[in-house]
């Protein structure tokens, strides 16, 4: 397994621990914070790509 695959799995694992275990209210708060701070632009595509590579 290469470094890209391991990194993608780590990012995907972190995304799952934050996103999948959160309730709807917390997800909305997370999205609002990401959009307001401008972090949604780089983080959402990175998480999406990592999920594709990890699977």
C-alpha atoms as a PDB file:
ATOM      1  CA  UNK A   1       0.000   0.000   0.000  1.00  0.00           C
ATOM      2  CA  UNK A   2       1.454   3.320  -1.023  1.00  0.00           C
ATOM      3  CA  UNK A   3       1.707   6.541   0.866  1.00  0.00           C
ATOM      4  CA  UNK A   4      -1.127   8.107  -1.144  1.00  0.00           C
ATOM      5  CA  UNK A   5      -3.470   5.255  -0.216  1.00  0.00           C
ATOM      6  CA  UNK A   6      -2.521   5.431   3.476  1.00  0.00           C
ATOM      7  CA  UNK A   7      -2.947   9.207   3.538  1.00  0.00           C
ATOM      8  CA  UNK A   8      -6.330   8.937   1.829  1.00  0.00           C
ATOM      9  CA  UNK A   9      -7.440   6.316   4.349  1.00  0.00           C
ATOM     10  CA  UNK A  10      -6.345   8.558   7.221  1.00  0.00           C
ATOM     11  CA  UNK A  11      -8.260  11.538   5.852  1.00  0.00           C
ATOM     12  CA  UNK A  12     -11.320   9.366   5.206  1.00  0.00           C
ATOM     13  CA  UNK A  13     -11.144   7.946   8.727  1.00  0.00           C
ATOM     14  CA  UNK A  14     -10.979  11.438  10.207  1.00  0.00           C
ATOM     15  CA  UNK A  15     -13.918  12.556   8.060  1.00  0.00           C
ATOM     16  CA  UNK A  16     -15.977   9.573   9.204  1.00  0.00           C
ATOM     17  CA  UNK A  17     -15.195  10.168  12.875  1.00  0.00           C
ATOM     18  CA  UNK A  18     -16.263  13.814  12.672  1.00  0.00           C
ATOM     19  CA  UNK A  19     -19.108  13.644  10.166  1.00  0.00           C
ATOM     20  CA  UNK A  20     -20.744  10.219  10.502  1.00  0.00           C
ATOM     21  CA  UNK A  21     -20.929  10.278  14.293  1.00  0.00           C
ATOM     22  CA  UNK A  22     -22.444  13.771  14.418  1.00  0.00           C
ATOM     23  CA  UNK A  23     -26.133  14.538  14.623  1.00  0.00           C
ATOM     24  CA  UNK A  24     -27.949  16.726  12.110  1.00  0.00           C
ATOM     25  CA  UNK A  25     -27.614  19.848  14.256  1.00  0.00           C
ATOM     26  CA  UNK A  26     -23.872  19.403  14.654  1.00  0.00           C
ATOM     27  CA  UNK A  27     -23.474  18.782  10.916  1.00  0.00           C
ATOM     28  CA  UNK A  28     -25.214  22.078  10.183  1.00  0.00           C
ATOM     29  CA  UNK A  29     -22.934  23.890  12.651  1.00  0.00           C
ATOM     30  CA  UNK A  30     -19.847  22.274  11.073  1.00  0.00           C
ATOM     31  CA  UNK A  31     -20.968  23.289   7.567  1.00  0.00           C
ATOM     32  CA  UNK A  32     -21.717  26.860   8.646  1.00  0.00           C
ATOM     33  CA  UNK A  33     -18.304  27.197  10.296  1.00  0.00           C
ATOM     34  CA  UNK A  34     -16.569  25.776   7.213  1.00  0.00           C
ATOM     35  CA  UNK A  35     -18.431  28.099   4.846  1.00  0.00           C
ATOM     36  CA  UNK A  36     -17.994  31.229   7.002  1.00  0.00           C
ATOM     37  CA  UNK A  37     -14.267  30.638   7.463  1.00  0.00           C
ATOM     38  CA  UNK A  38     -13.769  29.722   3.806  1.00  0.00           C
ATOM     39  CA  UNK A  39     -12.390  26.296   4.676  1.00  0.00           C
ATOM     40  CA  UNK A  40     -15.196  24.495   2.835  1.00  0.00           C
ATOM     41  CA  UNK A  41     -13.618  25.314  -0.527  1.00  0.00           C
ATOM     42  CA  UNK A  42     -10.435  23.251  -0.011  1.00  0.00           C
ATOM     43  CA  UNK A  43     -11.665  20.721   2.574  1.00  0.00           C
ATOM     44  CA  UNK A  44     -14.774  19.320   0.903  1.00  0.00           C
ATOM     45  CA  UNK A  45     -13.017  18.338  -2.362  1.00  0.00           C
ATOM     46  CA  UNK A  46     -10.052  16.911  -0.443  1.00  0.00           C
ATOM     47  CA  UNK A  47     -12.362  14.774   1.701  1.00  0.00           C
ATOM     48  CA  UNK A  48     -14.328  13.657  -1.366  1.00  0.00           C
ATOM     49  CA  UNK A  49     -11.179  12.667  -3.295  1.00  0.00           C
ATOM     50  CA  UNK A  50      -9.704  10.898  -0.256  1.00  0.00           C
ATOM     51  CA  UNK A  51     -12.904   8.907   0.140  1.00  0.00           C
ATOM     52  CA  UNK A  52     -12.716   7.789  -3.498  1.00  0.00           C
ATOM     53  CA  UNK A  53      -9.056   6.782  -3.210  1.00  0.00           C
ATOM     54  CA  UNK A  54      -9.551   5.000   0.141  1.00  0.00           C
ATOM     55  CA  UNK A  55     -12.401   2.919  -1.220  1.00  0.00           C
END
